[in-house]
């Protein structure tokens, strides 16, 4: 069996529909810049409330992807948009 190393990073997905949609948004957005996504573990759920009504659902995911030595991580236009271990996604 070949040896592999995986990186785990935290993503935060947001949706006005549901936690499932929030998770899907996070994964689909991350998949545009991260290769070989493997497993996502949802570990924290919250929502925002305005005037007594739920306005958005947020889910935090630990996502693993295969580490490839020599591959440089994508750079965001703004350093605040891209942190090394946590990414807030639309």
Foldseek 3Di string as FASTA:
>chain_A
DDDFDKDKAKEKFKDQPDQVVRVVQRVVVVCVFAPAKDDKDWDDKDFDDDPRHTRMIMTMITIMGTDDPPDDGDDDPDPVQDDPGYHYGD
